[in-house]
Every structure is written in structure tokens, then in C-alpha cells.
Amino acid sequence: MKNINKTPGHLSKQAKKLWTAILSEYSIEDAAGLHILRVALEAFDRAQAARELIDKDGLTITDKFNQVKPHPLLPTERDSRAAFLAGLKALSLDIEPLRDKPGRPAGR
């Protein structure tokens, strides 16, 4: 039987780390939940790729008529970030994971 929790190979290193961290903190075992997580992390990767190009090129570009225009990847970055957050919300990951000990979680 195929391991459905296997990290998708096409994700970036950062997205793979998120996949592993999310699956270790939350109990996502159903096919639909894993699919939503994969799609959310694909959107995360797309947002990161767009951000890297925007950082390289700047927030604006100059077109062939020498007019300053917003970078064409700004909507891609915005929409991909929104899709990532919507995926996390669809998985109800905006709540604290269950803890097996009392007290505040580490790092807060």
C-alpha cells in the first residue's frame, strides 16, 4: 500500500519542512485533508517564487513605452498567499494543536 503521508517530491525544501511539521503536529490522515495540504503548500511555493522575482526586479517595472507599472507578479504573490492561508483555514490549522503537557507552548 502506498504511503499517503509521503512528502510530495515537487515541493520546495521549505514546503517539505512545513509538510512534515504540520503532519507531526496535527492528525491529518484523510485523503481530502492531505490533498488540501498539498495544494496549500503548492500555493506557498508559488508565492515564494513570485516574491523572489519581485525582490530581484523591484515592486515596479518600466514598460516598452517607458511607463512605470506595478510588477506583474504582485497579483500572483497576493493570490498565492491567500490560497495558502485559505488551505490552512480549511484544515482548521488556525487553532492550537493538542498538547500532552500543561503550560505555554515552547517559543512563545
C-alpha atoms as a PDB file:
ATOM      1  CA  MET A   1       0.000   0.000   0.000  1.00  0.00           C
ATOM      2  CA  LYS A   2       1.250   3.437  -0.942  1.00  0.00           C
ATOM      3  CA  ASN A   3       2.220   5.736   1.935  1.00  0.00           C
ATOM      4  CA  ILE A   4      -0.239   8.630   1.587  1.00  0.00           C
ATOM      5  CA  ASN A   5       1.678  10.747   4.111  1.00  0.00           C
ATOM      6  CA  LYS A   6       4.810  10.777   1.925  1.00  0.00           C
ATOM      7  CA  THR A   7       6.077  14.285   1.290  1.00  0.00           C
ATOM      8  CA  PRO A   8       5.296  15.349  -2.300  1.00  0.00           C
ATOM      9  CA  GLY A   9       8.603  15.420  -4.176  1.00  0.00           C
ATOM     10  CA  HIS A  10       7.860  18.522  -6.245  1.00  0.00           C
ATOM     11  CA  LEU A  11       7.603  20.827  -3.205  1.00  0.00           C
ATOM     12  CA  SER A  12      10.469  23.133  -2.204  1.00  0.00           C
ATOM     13  CA  LYS A  13      12.652  22.290   0.793  1.00  0.00           C
ATOM     14  CA  GLN A  14      10.806  24.871   2.897  1.00  0.00           C
ATOM     15  CA  ALA A  15       7.390  23.498   1.880  1.00  0.00           C
ATOM     16  CA  LYS A  16       8.569  19.942   2.607  1.00  0.00           C
ATOM     17  CA  LYS A  17       9.603  21.053   6.098  1.00  0.00           C
ATOM     18  CA  LEU A  18       6.152  22.597   6.590  1.00  0.00           C
ATOM     19  CA  TRP A  19       4.514  19.363   5.358  1.00  0.00           C
ATOM     20  CA  THR A  20       6.464  17.346   7.904  1.00  0.00           C
ATOM     21  CA  ALA A  21       5.884  19.834  10.730  1.00  0.00           C
ATOM     22  CA  ILE A  22       2.148  20.106  10.086  1.00  0.00           C
ATOM     23  CA  LEU A  23       1.685  16.335   9.868  1.00  0.00           C
ATOM     24  CA  SER A  24       3.653  15.854  13.081  1.00  0.00           C
ATOM     25  CA  GLU A  25       1.580  18.447  14.995  1.00  0.00           C
ATOM     26  CA  TYR A  26      -1.866  17.733  13.551  1.00  0.00           C
ATOM     27  CA  SER A  27      -3.582  14.454  12.793  1.00  0.00           C
ATOM     28  CA  ILE A  28      -4.283  14.715   9.069  1.00  0.00           C
ATOM     29  CA  GLU A  29      -4.821  11.242   7.700  1.00  0.00           C
ATOM     30  CA  ASP A  30      -7.707  11.513   5.264  1.00  0.00           C
ATOM     31  CA  ALA A  31      -7.104  11.815   1.537  1.00  0.00           C
ATOM     32  CA  ALA A  32      -9.012  15.094   1.243  1.00  0.00           C
ATOM     33  CA  GLY A  33      -7.046  16.717   4.070  1.00  0.00           C
ATOM     34  CA  LEU A  34      -3.723  15.608   2.580  1.00  0.00           C
ATOM     35  CA  HIS A  35      -4.795  16.929  -0.816  1.00  0.00           C
ATOM     36  CA  ILE A  36      -5.759  20.307   0.675  1.00  0.00           C
ATOM     37  CA  LEU A  37      -2.394  20.466   2.453  1.00  0.00           C
ATOM     38  CA  ARG A  38      -0.527  19.633  -0.770  1.00  0.00           C
ATOM     39  CA  VAL A  39      -2.404  22.293  -2.752  1.00  0.00           C
ATOM     40  CA  ALA A  40      -1.851  24.850   0.035  1.00  0.00           C
ATOM     41  CA  LEU A  41       1.888  24.155   0.021  1.00  0.00           C
ATOM     42  CA  GLU A  42       1.990  24.423  -3.773  1.00  0.00           C
ATOM     43  CA  ALA A  43       0.424  27.878  -3.380  1.00  0.00           C
ATOM     44  CA  PHE A  44       3.049  28.650  -0.712  1.00  0.00           C
ATOM     45  CA  ASP A  45       5.811  27.724  -3.174  1.00  0.00           C
ATOM     46  CA  ARG A  46       4.214  29.825  -5.917  1.00  0.00           C
ATOM     47  CA  ALA A  47       4.020  32.846  -3.585  1.00  0.00           C
ATOM     48  CA  GLN A  48       7.675  32.385  -2.578  1.00  0.00           C
ATOM     49  CA  ALA A  49       8.791  32.134  -6.229  1.00  0.00           C
ATOM     50  CA  ALA A  50       6.853  35.276  -7.135  1.00  0.00           C
ATOM     51  CA  ARG A  51       8.274  37.110  -4.112  1.00  0.00           C
ATOM     52  CA  GLU A  52      11.834  36.182  -5.074  1.00  0.00           C
ATOM     53  CA  LEU A  53      11.364  37.589  -8.579  1.00  0.00           C
ATOM     54  CA  ILE A  54       9.686  40.722  -7.221  1.00  0.00           C
ATOM     55  CA  ASP A  55      12.572  41.188  -4.773  1.00  0.00           C
ATOM     56  CA  LYS A  56      15.028  40.838  -7.673  1.00  0.00           C
ATOM     57  CA  ASP A  57      13.180  43.114 -10.119  1.00  0.00           C
ATOM     58  CA  GLY A  58      11.616  45.602  -7.692  1.00  0.00           C
ATOM     59  CA  LEU A  59       7.994  46.450  -6.999  1.00  0.00           C
ATOM     60  CA  THR A  60       7.694  48.306 -10.300  1.00  0.00           C
ATOM     61  CA  ILE A  61       8.859  47.738 -13.848  1.00  0.00           C
ATOM     62  CA  THR A  62       9.225  50.065 -16.808  1.00  0.00           C
ATOM     63  CA  ASP A  63       7.291  49.011 -19.903  1.00  0.00           C
ATOM     64  CA  LYS A  64       8.324  49.488 -23.543  1.00  0.00           C
ATOM     65  CA  PHE A  65       6.770  52.979 -23.512  1.00  0.00           C
ATOM     66  CA  ASN A  66       8.952  53.933 -20.523  1.00  0.00           C
ATOM     67  CA  GLN A  67       5.938  53.946 -18.202  1.00  0.00           C
ATOM     68  CA  VAL A  68       6.340  52.726 -14.614  1.00  0.00           C
ATOM     69  CA  LYS A  69       3.942  49.858 -13.860  1.00  0.00           C
ATOM     70  CA  PRO A  70       3.428  47.590 -10.852  1.00  0.00           C
ATOM     71  CA  HIS A  71       5.338  44.329 -11.159  1.00  0.00           C
ATOM     72  CA  PRO A  72       3.079  41.838 -12.990  1.00  0.00           C
ATOM     73  CA  LEU A  73       3.761  39.125 -10.376  1.00  0.00           C
ATOM     74  CA  LEU A  74       2.307  41.157  -7.488  1.00  0.00           C
ATOM     75  CA  PRO A  75      -1.204  39.696  -8.006  1.00  0.00           C
ATOM     76  CA  THR A  76       0.288  36.194  -8.261  1.00  0.00           C
ATOM     77  CA  GLU A  77       2.078  36.641  -4.942  1.00  0.00           C
ATOM     78  CA  ARG A  78      -1.040  38.063  -3.273  1.00  0.00           C
ATOM     79  CA  ASP A  79      -3.377  35.389  -4.620  1.00  0.00           C
ATOM     80  CA  SER A  80      -0.975  32.552  -3.806  1.00  0.00           C
ATOM     81  CA  ARG A  81      -0.553  33.770  -0.226  1.00  0.00           C
ATOM     82  CA  ALA A  82      -4.335  33.963   0.110  1.00  0.00           C
ATOM     83  CA  ALA A  83      -4.704  30.431  -1.291  1.00  0.00           C
ATOM     84  CA  PHE A  84      -2.097  29.119   1.176  1.00  0.00           C
ATOM     85  CA  LEU A  85      -3.860  30.721   4.137  1.00  0.00           C
ATOM     86  CA  ALA A  86      -7.251  29.531   2.879  1.00  0.00           C
ATOM     87  CA  GLY A  87      -5.885  25.978   2.715  1.00  0.00           C
ATOM     88  CA  LEU A  88      -4.638  26.175   6.288  1.00  0.00           C
ATOM     89  CA  LYS A  89      -8.001  27.555   7.363  1.00  0.00           C
ATOM     90  CA  ALA A  90      -9.833  24.775   5.508  1.00  0.00           C
ATOM     91  CA  LEU A  91      -7.774  22.297   7.514  1.00  0.00           C
ATOM     92  CA  SER A  92      -8.612  24.205  10.723  1.00  0.00           C
ATOM     93  CA  LEU A  93      -4.904  24.754  11.362  1.00  0.00           C
ATOM     94  CA  ASP A  94      -5.579  28.191  12.768  1.00  0.00           C
ATOM     95  CA  ILE A  95      -6.145  26.582  16.177  1.00  0.00           C
ATOM     96  CA  GLU A  96      -3.568  25.395  18.689  1.00  0.00           C
ATOM     97  CA  PRO A  97      -2.527  21.756  18.334  1.00  0.00           C
ATOM     98  CA  LEU A  98      -3.293  19.498  21.265  1.00  0.00           C
ATOM     99  CA  ARG A  99      -0.516  19.374  23.857  1.00  0.00           C
ATOM    100  CA  ASP A 100       0.208  16.498  26.176  1.00  0.00           C
ATOM    101  CA  LYS A 101       1.580  18.671  28.962  1.00  0.00           C
ATOM    102  CA  PRO A 102       0.414  21.778  30.817  1.00  0.00           C
ATOM    103  CA  GLY A 103       1.844  25.231  30.302  1.00  0.00           C
ATOM    104  CA  ARG A 104       2.580  27.501  27.421  1.00  0.00           C
ATOM    105  CA  PRO A 105       3.935  26.060  24.183  1.00  0.00           C
ATOM    106  CA  ALA A 106       7.653  26.459  23.561  1.00  0.00           C
ATOM    107  CA  GLY A 107       8.792  29.580  21.726  1.00  0.00           C
ATOM    108  CA  ARG A 108       6.111  31.909  22.995  1.00  0.00           C
END
